[in-house]
N, C-alpha and C. Protein backbone atom coordinates (compact mmCIF):
# COMPACT_ATOMS: atom_id res chain seq x y z
N MET A 1 -44.99 -20.64 21.06
CA MET A 1 -45.85 -21.77 21.38
C MET A 1 -47.09 -21.79 20.49
N THR A 2 -47.58 -22.97 20.24
CA THR A 2 -48.85 -23.13 19.53
C THR A 2 -49.96 -23.30 20.56
N HIS A 3 -51.04 -22.58 20.37
CA HIS A 3 -52.17 -22.66 21.29
C HIS A 3 -53.28 -23.50 20.63
N ILE A 4 -53.73 -24.50 21.34
CA ILE A 4 -54.77 -25.40 20.86
C ILE A 4 -56.03 -25.20 21.67
N LEU A 5 -57.14 -24.92 21.00
CA LEU A 5 -58.44 -24.88 21.66
C LEU A 5 -59.18 -26.17 21.34
N LEU A 6 -59.43 -26.97 22.36
CA LEU A 6 -60.13 -28.24 22.20
C LEU A 6 -61.60 -28.01 22.53
N ILE A 7 -62.45 -28.20 21.54
CA ILE A 7 -63.87 -27.89 21.70
C ILE A 7 -64.71 -29.14 21.44
N ARG A 8 -65.57 -29.45 22.38
CA ARG A 8 -66.49 -30.57 22.18
C ARG A 8 -67.72 -30.07 21.42
N HIS A 9 -68.24 -30.91 20.55
CA HIS A 9 -69.46 -30.55 19.82
C HIS A 9 -70.62 -30.31 20.77
N ALA A 10 -71.61 -29.58 20.32
CA ALA A 10 -72.80 -29.30 21.12
C ALA A 10 -73.74 -30.52 21.12
N VAL A 11 -74.86 -30.42 21.84
CA VAL A 11 -75.71 -31.58 22.07
C VAL A 11 -76.56 -31.96 20.86
N ASN A 12 -76.99 -33.22 20.86
CA ASN A 12 -77.83 -33.76 19.79
C ASN A 12 -78.84 -34.72 20.39
N ASP A 13 -79.80 -35.14 19.59
CA ASP A 13 -80.88 -36.00 20.09
C ASP A 13 -80.55 -37.49 20.11
N PHE A 14 -79.40 -37.88 19.53
CA PHE A 14 -79.09 -39.30 19.48
C PHE A 14 -78.93 -39.88 20.88
N VAL A 15 -78.49 -39.03 21.82
CA VAL A 15 -78.32 -39.48 23.20
C VAL A 15 -79.63 -40.06 23.74
N LYS A 16 -80.76 -39.48 23.33
CA LYS A 16 -82.07 -39.92 23.83
C LYS A 16 -82.43 -41.33 23.35
N THR A 17 -81.75 -41.82 22.32
CA THR A 17 -82.04 -43.16 21.82
C THR A 17 -81.46 -44.24 22.74
N GLY A 18 -80.53 -43.83 23.61
CA GLY A 18 -79.89 -44.79 24.50
C GLY A 18 -78.90 -45.69 23.79
N LYS A 19 -78.46 -45.27 22.61
CA LYS A 19 -77.52 -46.06 21.84
C LYS A 19 -76.16 -45.37 21.75
N LEU A 20 -75.14 -46.14 21.42
CA LEU A 20 -73.78 -45.62 21.29
C LEU A 20 -73.60 -45.07 19.88
N ALA A 21 -73.41 -43.77 19.77
CA ALA A 21 -73.38 -43.12 18.45
C ALA A 21 -72.13 -43.45 17.66
N GLY A 22 -70.96 -43.22 18.25
CA GLY A 22 -69.73 -43.44 17.50
C GLY A 22 -69.69 -42.66 16.21
N TRP A 23 -69.44 -43.36 15.11
CA TRP A 23 -69.35 -42.74 13.79
C TRP A 23 -70.67 -42.86 13.02
N THR A 24 -71.76 -43.11 13.70
CA THR A 24 -73.06 -43.21 13.04
C THR A 24 -73.34 -41.95 12.24
N PRO A 25 -73.63 -42.09 10.95
CA PRO A 25 -73.90 -40.89 10.13
C PRO A 25 -75.26 -40.28 10.44
N GLY A 26 -75.40 -39.01 10.13
CA GLY A 26 -76.68 -38.34 10.26
C GLY A 26 -77.04 -37.88 11.66
N VAL A 27 -76.06 -37.80 12.56
CA VAL A 27 -76.33 -37.30 13.92
C VAL A 27 -76.06 -35.80 13.93
N HIS A 28 -77.13 -35.02 13.94
CA HIS A 28 -77.01 -33.56 13.84
C HIS A 28 -77.31 -32.90 15.18
N LEU A 29 -76.90 -31.65 15.32
CA LEU A 29 -77.24 -30.88 16.51
C LEU A 29 -78.75 -30.68 16.57
N ASN A 30 -79.31 -30.76 17.76
CA ASN A 30 -80.73 -30.43 17.92
C ASN A 30 -80.85 -28.92 18.19
N ASP A 31 -82.05 -28.46 18.49
CA ASP A 31 -82.24 -27.02 18.70
C ASP A 31 -81.40 -26.49 19.84
N GLU A 32 -81.33 -27.28 20.92
CA GLU A 32 -80.51 -26.86 22.05
C GLU A 32 -79.04 -26.82 21.65
N GLY A 33 -78.61 -27.80 20.89
CA GLY A 33 -77.24 -27.84 20.41
C GLY A 33 -76.90 -26.66 19.52
N LYS A 34 -77.83 -26.29 18.66
CA LYS A 34 -77.61 -25.13 17.80
C LYS A 34 -77.47 -23.86 18.62
N ALA A 35 -78.27 -23.74 19.69
CA ALA A 35 -78.17 -22.58 20.57
C ALA A 35 -76.82 -22.57 21.30
N GLN A 36 -76.39 -23.75 21.74
CA GLN A 36 -75.08 -23.85 22.40
C GLN A 36 -73.96 -23.47 21.43
N ALA A 37 -74.04 -23.96 20.21
CA ALA A 37 -73.02 -23.66 19.22
C ALA A 37 -72.99 -22.17 18.90
N GLU A 38 -74.16 -21.56 18.83
CA GLU A 38 -74.23 -20.13 18.58
C GLU A 38 -73.57 -19.34 19.71
N ALA A 39 -73.83 -19.74 20.95
CA ALA A 39 -73.20 -19.09 22.10
C ALA A 39 -71.69 -19.28 22.07
N LEU A 40 -71.25 -20.46 21.67
CA LEU A 40 -69.82 -20.74 21.54
C LEU A 40 -69.20 -19.84 20.48
N GLY A 41 -69.87 -19.73 19.34
CA GLY A 41 -69.36 -18.88 18.27
C GLY A 41 -69.20 -17.43 18.71
N LYS A 42 -70.19 -16.93 19.43
CA LYS A 42 -70.12 -15.55 19.93
C LYS A 42 -68.98 -15.39 20.94
N ARG A 43 -68.79 -16.42 21.76
CA ARG A 43 -67.71 -16.38 22.76
C ARG A 43 -66.34 -16.21 22.09
N LEU A 44 -66.18 -16.85 20.94
CA LEU A 44 -64.88 -16.82 20.25
C LEU A 44 -64.82 -15.78 19.13
N ALA A 45 -65.86 -14.97 19.03
CA ALA A 45 -65.95 -14.02 17.90
C ALA A 45 -64.77 -13.05 17.86
N GLU A 46 -64.31 -12.61 19.01
CA GLU A 46 -63.23 -11.62 19.06
C GLU A 46 -61.86 -12.25 19.24
N ALA A 47 -61.81 -13.56 19.32
CA ALA A 47 -60.52 -14.24 19.49
C ALA A 47 -59.76 -14.28 18.16
N THR A 48 -58.45 -14.30 18.26
CA THR A 48 -57.61 -14.44 17.07
C THR A 48 -57.40 -15.92 16.79
N LEU A 49 -58.06 -16.42 15.76
CA LEU A 49 -57.99 -17.83 15.39
C LEU A 49 -57.32 -17.96 14.04
N ASP A 50 -56.34 -18.86 13.94
CA ASP A 50 -55.58 -19.00 12.70
C ASP A 50 -56.04 -20.16 11.83
N VAL A 51 -56.44 -21.26 12.46
CA VAL A 51 -56.89 -22.43 11.71
C VAL A 51 -58.00 -23.14 12.46
N LEU A 52 -58.85 -23.83 11.70
CA LEU A 52 -60.02 -24.48 12.28
C LEU A 52 -60.13 -25.91 11.75
N TYR A 53 -59.95 -26.87 12.65
CA TYR A 53 -60.05 -28.28 12.30
C TYR A 53 -61.27 -28.91 12.98
N SER A 54 -61.83 -29.91 12.33
CA SER A 54 -62.98 -30.60 12.91
C SER A 54 -62.95 -32.08 12.57
N SER A 55 -63.43 -32.88 13.51
CA SER A 55 -63.79 -34.26 13.21
C SER A 55 -64.79 -34.21 12.06
N PRO A 56 -64.78 -35.19 11.15
CA PRO A 56 -65.66 -35.13 9.98
C PRO A 56 -67.14 -35.42 10.24
N LEU A 57 -67.51 -35.77 11.46
CA LEU A 57 -68.91 -36.10 11.75
C LEU A 57 -69.78 -34.84 11.76
N GLU A 58 -71.06 -35.03 11.45
CA GLU A 58 -71.95 -33.87 11.28
C GLU A 58 -72.02 -32.99 12.51
N ARG A 59 -72.10 -33.59 13.69
CA ARG A 59 -72.27 -32.79 14.90
C ARG A 59 -71.06 -31.92 15.21
N THR A 60 -69.89 -32.39 14.85
CA THR A 60 -68.69 -31.57 15.04
C THR A 60 -68.57 -30.52 13.94
N MET A 61 -68.88 -30.89 12.72
CA MET A 61 -68.81 -29.93 11.62
C MET A 61 -69.79 -28.78 11.82
N GLU A 62 -70.98 -29.08 12.32
CA GLU A 62 -71.98 -28.03 12.56
C GLU A 62 -71.54 -27.11 13.70
N THR A 63 -70.89 -27.67 14.69
CA THR A 63 -70.34 -26.84 15.78
C THR A 63 -69.22 -25.96 15.26
N ALA A 64 -68.36 -26.54 14.41
CA ALA A 64 -67.27 -25.76 13.82
C ALA A 64 -67.80 -24.63 12.94
N GLU A 65 -68.89 -24.90 12.24
CA GLU A 65 -69.47 -23.88 11.36
C GLU A 65 -69.96 -22.68 12.17
N ALA A 66 -70.47 -22.92 13.37
CA ALA A 66 -70.92 -21.82 14.22
C ALA A 66 -69.76 -20.91 14.61
N ILE A 67 -68.57 -21.49 14.72
CA ILE A 67 -67.36 -20.70 14.99
C ILE A 67 -66.94 -19.96 13.72
N ARG A 68 -66.96 -20.67 12.59
CA ARG A 68 -66.52 -20.07 11.33
C ARG A 68 -67.38 -18.88 10.92
N GLN A 69 -68.64 -18.87 11.32
CA GLN A 69 -69.53 -17.76 10.99
C GLN A 69 -68.95 -16.43 11.45
N HIS A 70 -68.19 -16.45 12.53
CA HIS A 70 -67.58 -15.23 13.07
C HIS A 70 -66.15 -15.02 12.57
N HIS A 71 -65.67 -15.99 11.80
CA HIS A 71 -64.30 -15.92 11.26
C HIS A 71 -64.34 -16.38 9.81
N PRO A 72 -64.95 -15.59 8.93
CA PRO A 72 -65.16 -16.01 7.54
C PRO A 72 -63.88 -16.27 6.75
N HIS A 73 -62.75 -15.82 7.28
CA HIS A 73 -61.48 -16.07 6.60
C HIS A 73 -61.01 -17.52 6.78
N LEU A 74 -61.63 -18.24 7.72
CA LEU A 74 -61.22 -19.62 7.99
C LEU A 74 -62.00 -20.62 7.15
N THR A 75 -61.36 -21.74 6.87
CA THR A 75 -62.00 -22.88 6.22
C THR A 75 -61.97 -24.05 7.19
N ILE A 76 -63.08 -24.73 7.33
CA ILE A 76 -63.11 -25.90 8.21
C ILE A 76 -62.37 -27.05 7.54
N GLN A 77 -61.32 -27.52 8.17
CA GLN A 77 -60.53 -28.62 7.63
C GLN A 77 -60.87 -29.90 8.40
N GLN A 78 -61.40 -30.88 7.69
CA GLN A 78 -61.76 -32.14 8.33
C GLN A 78 -60.50 -32.96 8.64
N ASN A 79 -60.53 -33.60 9.81
CA ASN A 79 -59.39 -34.42 10.22
C ASN A 79 -59.92 -35.64 10.97
N SER A 80 -59.87 -36.79 10.32
CA SER A 80 -60.43 -38.00 10.92
C SER A 80 -59.62 -38.48 12.13
N GLU A 81 -58.38 -38.00 12.26
CA GLU A 81 -57.55 -38.42 13.39
C GLU A 81 -58.03 -37.84 14.71
N ILE A 82 -58.87 -36.81 14.65
CA ILE A 82 -59.46 -36.27 15.87
C ILE A 82 -60.94 -36.68 15.95
N GLY A 83 -61.31 -37.68 15.15
CA GLY A 83 -62.68 -38.18 15.14
C GLY A 83 -62.98 -39.05 16.35
N GLU A 84 -64.23 -39.42 16.49
CA GLU A 84 -64.70 -40.22 17.62
C GLU A 84 -63.98 -41.57 17.70
N VAL A 85 -64.02 -42.17 18.87
CA VAL A 85 -63.49 -43.52 19.05
C VAL A 85 -64.21 -44.47 18.10
N GLN A 86 -63.46 -45.37 17.49
CA GLN A 86 -64.05 -46.38 16.60
C GLN A 86 -64.56 -47.54 17.46
N TYR A 87 -65.88 -47.57 17.67
CA TYR A 87 -66.46 -48.58 18.55
C TYR A 87 -66.74 -49.91 17.86
N GLY A 88 -66.50 -49.99 16.57
CA GLY A 88 -66.65 -51.26 15.87
C GLY A 88 -68.06 -51.82 15.96
N ASP A 89 -68.16 -53.09 16.39
CA ASP A 89 -69.46 -53.78 16.45
C ASP A 89 -70.40 -53.16 17.48
N TRP A 90 -69.87 -52.38 18.39
CA TRP A 90 -70.70 -51.75 19.42
C TRP A 90 -71.45 -50.53 18.91
N GLN A 91 -71.00 -49.98 17.81
CA GLN A 91 -71.62 -48.76 17.30
C GLN A 91 -73.10 -48.98 16.99
N GLY A 92 -73.94 -48.08 17.49
CA GLY A 92 -75.37 -48.16 17.26
C GLY A 92 -76.12 -49.10 18.20
N MET A 93 -75.38 -49.81 19.06
CA MET A 93 -76.04 -50.75 19.99
C MET A 93 -76.60 -50.00 21.19
N GLU A 94 -77.61 -50.59 21.83
CA GLU A 94 -78.20 -50.00 23.02
C GLU A 94 -77.24 -50.14 24.19
N ILE A 95 -76.99 -49.02 24.85
CA ILE A 95 -76.04 -49.02 25.97
C ILE A 95 -76.52 -49.93 27.09
N SER A 96 -77.84 -50.02 27.28
CA SER A 96 -78.38 -50.88 28.33
C SER A 96 -78.01 -52.34 28.12
N LYS A 97 -77.78 -52.73 26.87
CA LYS A 97 -77.40 -54.10 26.56
C LYS A 97 -75.88 -54.30 26.62
N LEU A 98 -75.14 -53.19 26.61
CA LEU A 98 -73.69 -53.27 26.64
C LEU A 98 -73.14 -53.30 28.06
N VAL A 99 -73.87 -52.67 28.99
CA VAL A 99 -73.33 -52.53 30.35
C VAL A 99 -73.14 -53.88 31.05
N GLY A 100 -73.81 -54.90 30.60
CA GLY A 100 -73.66 -56.21 31.22
C GLY A 100 -72.48 -57.00 30.70
N ARG A 101 -71.84 -56.49 29.69
CA ARG A 101 -70.71 -57.22 29.10
C ARG A 101 -69.42 -56.98 29.90
N LYS A 102 -68.58 -57.99 29.93
CA LYS A 102 -67.32 -57.88 30.67
C LYS A 102 -66.47 -56.73 30.12
N MET A 103 -66.47 -56.55 28.80
CA MET A 103 -65.65 -55.51 28.20
C MET A 103 -66.11 -54.11 28.63
N TRP A 104 -67.41 -53.96 28.92
CA TRP A 104 -67.90 -52.66 29.38
C TRP A 104 -67.22 -52.26 30.69
N GLN A 105 -67.07 -53.24 31.58
CA GLN A 105 -66.41 -52.96 32.85
C GLN A 105 -64.94 -52.63 32.65
N VAL A 106 -64.32 -53.29 31.67
CA VAL A 106 -62.92 -52.97 31.36
C VAL A 106 -62.83 -51.53 30.85
N VAL A 107 -63.75 -51.16 29.97
CA VAL A 107 -63.77 -49.78 29.43
C VAL A 107 -63.89 -48.77 30.56
N GLN A 108 -64.73 -49.06 31.55
CA GLN A 108 -64.97 -48.12 32.63
C GLN A 108 -63.85 -48.08 33.66
N GLN A 109 -63.24 -49.24 33.93
CA GLN A 109 -62.26 -49.31 35.01
C GLN A 109 -60.81 -49.34 34.54
N TYR A 110 -60.54 -50.03 33.42
CA TYR A 110 -59.18 -50.15 32.91
C TYR A 110 -59.17 -49.91 31.41
N PRO A 111 -59.53 -48.70 30.97
CA PRO A 111 -59.64 -48.44 29.53
C PRO A 111 -58.35 -48.70 28.75
N SER A 112 -57.21 -48.67 29.42
CA SER A 112 -55.95 -48.94 28.72
C SER A 112 -55.89 -50.38 28.22
N ARG A 113 -56.77 -51.25 28.72
CA ARG A 113 -56.79 -52.65 28.29
C ARG A 113 -57.98 -52.97 27.40
N ALA A 114 -58.76 -51.94 27.07
CA ALA A 114 -60.00 -52.16 26.34
C ALA A 114 -59.79 -52.15 24.82
N GLU A 115 -60.43 -53.11 24.16
CA GLU A 115 -60.45 -53.16 22.70
C GLU A 115 -61.88 -53.46 22.27
N PHE A 116 -62.45 -52.58 21.45
CA PHE A 116 -63.82 -52.77 21.00
C PHE A 116 -63.87 -53.80 19.88
N PRO A 117 -64.78 -54.76 19.95
CA PRO A 117 -64.88 -55.80 18.91
C PRO A 117 -65.06 -55.16 17.53
N GLY A 118 -64.14 -55.45 16.64
CA GLY A 118 -64.22 -54.88 15.30
C GLY A 118 -63.83 -53.41 15.23
N GLY A 119 -63.38 -52.85 16.35
CA GLY A 119 -63.00 -51.44 16.40
C GLY A 119 -61.56 -51.26 16.82
N GLU A 120 -61.29 -50.20 17.56
CA GLU A 120 -59.93 -49.91 17.98
C GLU A 120 -59.78 -50.04 19.49
N THR A 121 -58.56 -50.02 19.96
CA THR A 121 -58.30 -50.01 21.39
C THR A 121 -58.41 -48.57 21.90
N MET A 122 -58.67 -48.42 23.19
CA MET A 122 -58.67 -47.08 23.77
C MET A 122 -57.26 -46.49 23.72
N ARG A 123 -56.25 -47.33 23.91
CA ARG A 123 -54.87 -46.85 23.80
C ARG A 123 -54.60 -46.33 22.40
N GLY A 124 -55.11 -47.05 21.41
CA GLY A 124 -54.91 -46.63 20.03
C GLY A 124 -55.61 -45.32 19.73
N ALA A 125 -56.81 -45.15 20.29
CA ALA A 125 -57.55 -43.91 20.07
C ALA A 125 -56.80 -42.73 20.67
N GLN A 126 -56.27 -42.92 21.88
CA GLN A 126 -55.51 -41.84 22.51
C GLN A 126 -54.25 -41.52 21.71
N THR A 127 -53.55 -42.55 21.28
CA THR A 127 -52.31 -42.34 20.54
C THR A 127 -52.55 -41.57 19.25
N ARG A 128 -53.57 -41.96 18.48
CA ARG A 128 -53.82 -41.27 17.22
C ARG A 128 -54.24 -39.83 17.45
N ALA A 129 -55.01 -39.58 18.52
CA ALA A 129 -55.46 -38.22 18.81
C ALA A 129 -54.29 -37.34 19.25
N VAL A 130 -53.45 -37.86 20.13
CA VAL A 130 -52.27 -37.11 20.57
C VAL A 130 -51.32 -36.87 19.41
N ASN A 131 -51.12 -37.87 18.58
CA ASN A 131 -50.27 -37.70 17.40
C ASN A 131 -50.82 -36.62 16.48
N ALA A 132 -52.14 -36.56 16.36
CA ALA A 132 -52.77 -35.54 15.52
C ALA A 132 -52.50 -34.15 16.08
N ILE A 133 -52.59 -34.00 17.40
CA ILE A 133 -52.31 -32.70 18.03
C ILE A 133 -50.85 -32.31 17.81
N GLU A 134 -49.95 -33.25 17.98
CA GLU A 134 -48.53 -32.96 17.78
C GLU A 134 -48.26 -32.57 16.32
N ALA A 135 -48.95 -33.20 15.39
CA ALA A 135 -48.78 -32.85 13.98
C ALA A 135 -49.28 -31.44 13.70
N LEU A 136 -50.36 -31.05 14.36
CA LEU A 136 -50.89 -29.69 14.19
C LEU A 136 -49.94 -28.66 14.77
N VAL A 137 -49.30 -29.00 15.87
CA VAL A 137 -48.31 -28.10 16.46
C VAL A 137 -47.15 -27.88 15.50
N THR A 138 -46.70 -28.96 14.87
CA THR A 138 -45.61 -28.86 13.89
C THR A 138 -46.03 -28.04 12.68
N ALA A 139 -47.27 -28.22 12.23
CA ALA A 139 -47.76 -27.53 11.03
C ALA A 139 -48.09 -26.07 11.29
N HIS A 140 -48.39 -25.72 12.54
CA HIS A 140 -48.85 -24.35 12.83
C HIS A 140 -48.11 -23.75 14.02
N PRO A 141 -46.81 -23.55 13.88
CA PRO A 141 -46.06 -22.98 15.00
C PRO A 141 -46.52 -21.56 15.32
N ARG A 142 -46.64 -21.29 16.63
CA ARG A 142 -46.99 -19.96 17.13
C ARG A 142 -48.34 -19.46 16.61
N GLN A 143 -49.24 -20.39 16.33
CA GLN A 143 -50.59 -20.01 15.90
C GLN A 143 -51.62 -20.55 16.90
N THR A 144 -52.85 -20.07 16.75
CA THR A 144 -53.96 -20.58 17.56
C THR A 144 -54.80 -21.50 16.70
N VAL A 145 -54.90 -22.75 17.11
CA VAL A 145 -55.54 -23.79 16.34
C VAL A 145 -56.80 -24.27 17.07
N VAL A 146 -57.93 -24.24 16.39
CA VAL A 146 -59.17 -24.73 16.97
C VAL A 146 -59.39 -26.17 16.51
N VAL A 147 -59.68 -27.05 17.46
CA VAL A 147 -59.93 -28.46 17.18
C VAL A 147 -61.30 -28.82 17.75
N VAL A 148 -62.26 -29.12 16.89
CA VAL A 148 -63.60 -29.49 17.34
C VAL A 148 -63.70 -31.02 17.29
N SER A 149 -63.91 -31.61 18.46
CA SER A 149 -63.85 -33.07 18.55
C SER A 149 -64.93 -33.60 19.50
N HIS A 150 -64.61 -34.71 20.16
CA HIS A 150 -65.58 -35.45 20.96
C HIS A 150 -65.09 -35.60 22.39
N ALA A 151 -66.02 -35.86 23.31
CA ALA A 151 -65.69 -35.85 24.75
C ALA A 151 -64.53 -36.78 25.09
N ASP A 152 -64.65 -38.07 24.75
CA ASP A 152 -63.60 -39.01 25.15
C ASP A 152 -62.26 -38.68 24.50
N ILE A 153 -62.28 -38.26 23.25
CA ILE A 153 -61.03 -37.91 22.57
C ILE A 153 -60.37 -36.72 23.25
N ILE A 154 -61.16 -35.71 23.59
CA ILE A 154 -60.60 -34.53 24.27
C ILE A 154 -60.07 -34.92 25.64
N LYS A 155 -60.81 -35.75 26.37
CA LYS A 155 -60.35 -36.18 27.68
C LYS A 155 -59.05 -36.97 27.58
N MET A 156 -58.93 -37.80 26.56
CA MET A 156 -57.70 -38.56 26.37
C MET A 156 -56.51 -37.65 26.06
N ILE A 157 -56.74 -36.64 25.24
CA ILE A 157 -55.68 -35.68 24.91
C ILE A 157 -55.24 -34.94 26.16
N LEU A 158 -56.19 -34.44 26.92
CA LEU A 158 -55.86 -33.70 28.14
C LEU A 158 -55.14 -34.59 29.14
N ALA A 159 -55.61 -35.83 29.29
CA ALA A 159 -54.96 -36.75 30.22
C ALA A 159 -53.49 -36.94 29.85
N HIS A 160 -53.22 -37.10 28.57
CA HIS A 160 -51.84 -37.28 28.12
C HIS A 160 -50.96 -36.10 28.51
N PHE A 161 -51.43 -34.89 28.21
CA PHE A 161 -50.61 -33.71 28.47
C PHE A 161 -50.58 -33.31 29.94
N LEU A 162 -51.51 -33.86 30.73
CA LEU A 162 -51.46 -33.67 32.17
C LEU A 162 -50.57 -34.70 32.86
N GLY A 163 -50.12 -35.69 32.09
CA GLY A 163 -49.30 -36.75 32.67
C GLY A 163 -50.12 -37.79 33.41
N MET A 164 -51.41 -37.88 33.09
CA MET A 164 -52.29 -38.86 33.72
C MET A 164 -52.27 -40.17 32.96
N HIS A 165 -52.37 -41.27 33.67
CA HIS A 165 -52.52 -42.57 33.03
C HIS A 165 -53.90 -42.62 32.36
N LEU A 166 -53.98 -43.32 31.26
CA LEU A 166 -55.24 -43.44 30.53
C LEU A 166 -56.36 -43.99 31.41
N ASP A 167 -56.03 -44.86 32.36
CA ASP A 167 -57.05 -45.46 33.22
C ASP A 167 -57.77 -44.42 34.09
N GLU A 168 -57.21 -43.22 34.18
CA GLU A 168 -57.82 -42.16 35.00
C GLU A 168 -58.52 -41.09 34.17
N PHE A 169 -58.57 -41.26 32.85
CA PHE A 169 -59.04 -40.16 32.01
C PHE A 169 -60.50 -39.81 32.22
N GLN A 170 -61.30 -40.77 32.70
CA GLN A 170 -62.72 -40.49 32.90
C GLN A 170 -62.97 -39.57 34.10
N ARG A 171 -61.93 -39.22 34.84
CA ARG A 171 -62.08 -38.25 35.92
C ARG A 171 -62.26 -36.84 35.37
N ILE A 172 -61.88 -36.64 34.13
CA ILE A 172 -62.00 -35.33 33.50
C ILE A 172 -63.40 -35.16 32.94
N VAL A 173 -64.00 -34.01 33.16
CA VAL A 173 -65.34 -33.71 32.65
C VAL A 173 -65.22 -32.76 31.47
N ILE A 174 -65.82 -33.13 30.34
CA ILE A 174 -65.84 -32.29 29.14
C ILE A 174 -67.29 -32.18 28.68
N ALA A 175 -67.91 -31.05 28.94
CA ALA A 175 -69.33 -30.84 28.63
C ALA A 175 -69.51 -30.42 27.17
N PRO A 176 -70.72 -30.57 26.65
CA PRO A 176 -71.00 -30.13 25.28
C PRO A 176 -70.68 -28.65 25.08
N ALA A 177 -70.06 -28.34 23.95
CA ALA A 177 -69.71 -26.97 23.56
C ALA A 177 -68.71 -26.32 24.51
N SER A 178 -67.99 -27.12 25.28
CA SER A 178 -66.99 -26.57 26.20
C SER A 178 -65.68 -26.29 25.48
N ILE A 179 -64.86 -25.45 26.12
CA ILE A 179 -63.55 -25.07 25.59
C ILE A 179 -62.47 -25.50 26.58
N SER A 180 -61.47 -26.20 26.10
CA SER A 180 -60.27 -26.51 26.88
C SER A 180 -59.08 -26.03 26.06
N SER A 181 -57.97 -25.72 26.72
CA SER A 181 -56.86 -25.14 25.98
C SER A 181 -55.52 -25.73 26.38
N LEU A 182 -54.66 -25.86 25.38
CA LEU A 182 -53.29 -26.34 25.55
C LEU A 182 -52.33 -25.33 24.94
N SER A 183 -51.14 -25.24 25.51
CA SER A 183 -50.06 -24.45 24.91
C SER A 183 -48.87 -25.39 24.77
N LEU A 184 -48.42 -25.59 23.54
CA LEU A 184 -47.37 -26.56 23.27
C LEU A 184 -46.23 -25.92 22.49
N GLY A 185 -45.02 -26.06 23.03
CA GLY A 185 -43.82 -25.58 22.36
C GLY A 185 -42.76 -26.64 22.41
N PHE A 186 -41.49 -26.24 22.63
CA PHE A 186 -40.41 -27.22 22.68
C PHE A 186 -40.20 -27.78 24.08
N GLY A 187 -40.73 -27.09 25.08
CA GLY A 187 -40.57 -27.56 26.44
C GLY A 187 -41.80 -28.28 26.95
N ARG A 188 -42.07 -28.11 28.22
CA ARG A 188 -43.21 -28.80 28.82
C ARG A 188 -44.52 -28.26 28.27
N PRO A 189 -45.55 -29.11 28.19
CA PRO A 189 -46.87 -28.64 27.75
C PRO A 189 -47.58 -27.95 28.90
N TYR A 190 -48.49 -27.05 28.55
CA TYR A 190 -49.29 -26.35 29.55
C TYR A 190 -50.77 -26.53 29.23
N VAL A 191 -51.52 -26.94 30.23
CA VAL A 191 -52.97 -27.02 30.11
C VAL A 191 -53.53 -25.75 30.75
N GLY A 192 -54.10 -24.88 29.91
CA GLY A 192 -54.55 -23.58 30.41
C GLY A 192 -55.92 -23.62 31.04
N THR A 193 -56.86 -24.26 30.36
CA THR A 193 -58.23 -24.34 30.86
C THR A 193 -58.80 -25.72 30.52
N MET A 194 -59.79 -26.13 31.30
CA MET A 194 -60.51 -27.36 31.00
C MET A 194 -62.00 -27.13 31.23
N ASN A 195 -62.79 -27.57 30.28
CA ASN A 195 -64.24 -27.57 30.41
C ASN A 195 -64.81 -26.18 30.72
N ASP A 196 -64.33 -25.18 30.01
CA ASP A 196 -64.84 -23.82 30.17
C ASP A 196 -66.21 -23.74 29.49
N VAL A 197 -67.25 -23.50 30.28
CA VAL A 197 -68.61 -23.41 29.75
C VAL A 197 -69.27 -22.08 30.15
N ALA A 198 -68.46 -21.05 30.35
CA ALA A 198 -68.99 -19.76 30.79
C ALA A 198 -70.03 -19.22 29.81
N HIS A 199 -69.83 -19.46 28.52
CA HIS A 199 -70.76 -18.97 27.50
C HIS A 199 -72.10 -19.70 27.57
N ILE A 200 -72.07 -20.99 27.94
CA ILE A 200 -73.31 -21.74 28.08
C ILE A 200 -74.05 -21.29 29.35
N THR A 201 -73.30 -21.06 30.39
CA THR A 201 -73.90 -20.56 31.64
C THR A 201 -74.56 -19.21 31.41
N GLN A 202 -73.88 -18.34 30.66
CA GLN A 202 -74.44 -17.03 30.35
C GLN A 202 -75.71 -17.14 29.52
N MET A 203 -75.71 -18.05 28.55
CA MET A 203 -76.88 -18.26 27.72
C MET A 203 -78.07 -18.70 28.57
N GLU A 204 -77.83 -19.63 29.48
CA GLU A 204 -78.91 -20.12 30.34
C GLU A 204 -79.40 -19.03 31.29
N ARG A 205 -78.48 -18.20 31.77
CA ARG A 205 -78.86 -17.10 32.65
C ARG A 205 -79.76 -16.10 31.93
N GLU A 206 -79.40 -15.80 30.69
CA GLU A 206 -80.20 -14.86 29.90
C GLU A 206 -81.59 -15.42 29.61
N ARG A 207 -81.68 -16.73 29.41
CA ARG A 207 -82.99 -17.35 29.19
C ARG A 207 -83.89 -17.20 30.41
N LYS A 208 -83.30 -17.41 31.58
CA LYS A 208 -84.08 -17.29 32.80
C LYS A 208 -84.57 -15.86 32.99
N GLN A 209 -83.70 -14.91 32.67
CA GLN A 209 -84.07 -13.51 32.82
C GLN A 209 -85.21 -13.14 31.87
N GLU A 210 -85.17 -13.70 30.67
CA GLU A 210 -86.24 -13.44 29.69
C GLU A 210 -87.58 -13.99 30.18
N LYS A 211 -87.54 -15.16 30.84
CA LYS A 211 -88.76 -15.79 31.32
C LYS A 211 -89.39 -15.01 32.47
N THR A 212 -88.52 -14.39 33.27
CA THR A 212 -89.02 -13.68 34.45
C THR A 212 -89.30 -12.20 34.17
N ALA A 213 -88.92 -11.74 32.96
CA ALA A 213 -89.11 -10.31 32.62
C ALA A 213 -90.58 -9.99 32.40
């Protein structure tokens, strides 16, 4: 079986702008995100990793680099098929102005019917992401593959392999710098973990201890 580690990028400051980031260039990890990525890298330091793929956006590449620091034999391979949803005309817009649109409600309630103006459909985003995972399984049999991507893309992938309809995918929680895992072979797929943030919890615990010491 091929083992896939699905990792969401760590946090960044673009969220504070109240805008939809999408593929907006120049969105980097903030200090908290760098600390999260460092904790993630340490968590995986002793793991046997064979290949490392990342969405080409800065926030995912920087998260992937924190992992690569502990695995210098790996090269980060960019893969746009695991990149963020293409929001089209919505990219960079203020979310407060989008929530009143009819399509926003479709995205929230029936994402399988949603198509972003000038962008892609949610169905299309899920299909390309799942196809990318299947291609990686074919290319790397019996290896452990790290995929650094984005929350919605990871949730869509997990929903597919859990047998969930796309309209239910928002029930899955994928936190920044979290780890989820899949095992894929010739038979049924297995979802091993979802939204593992033990390393982030440990980091926060250590911070509290330092403050009270």
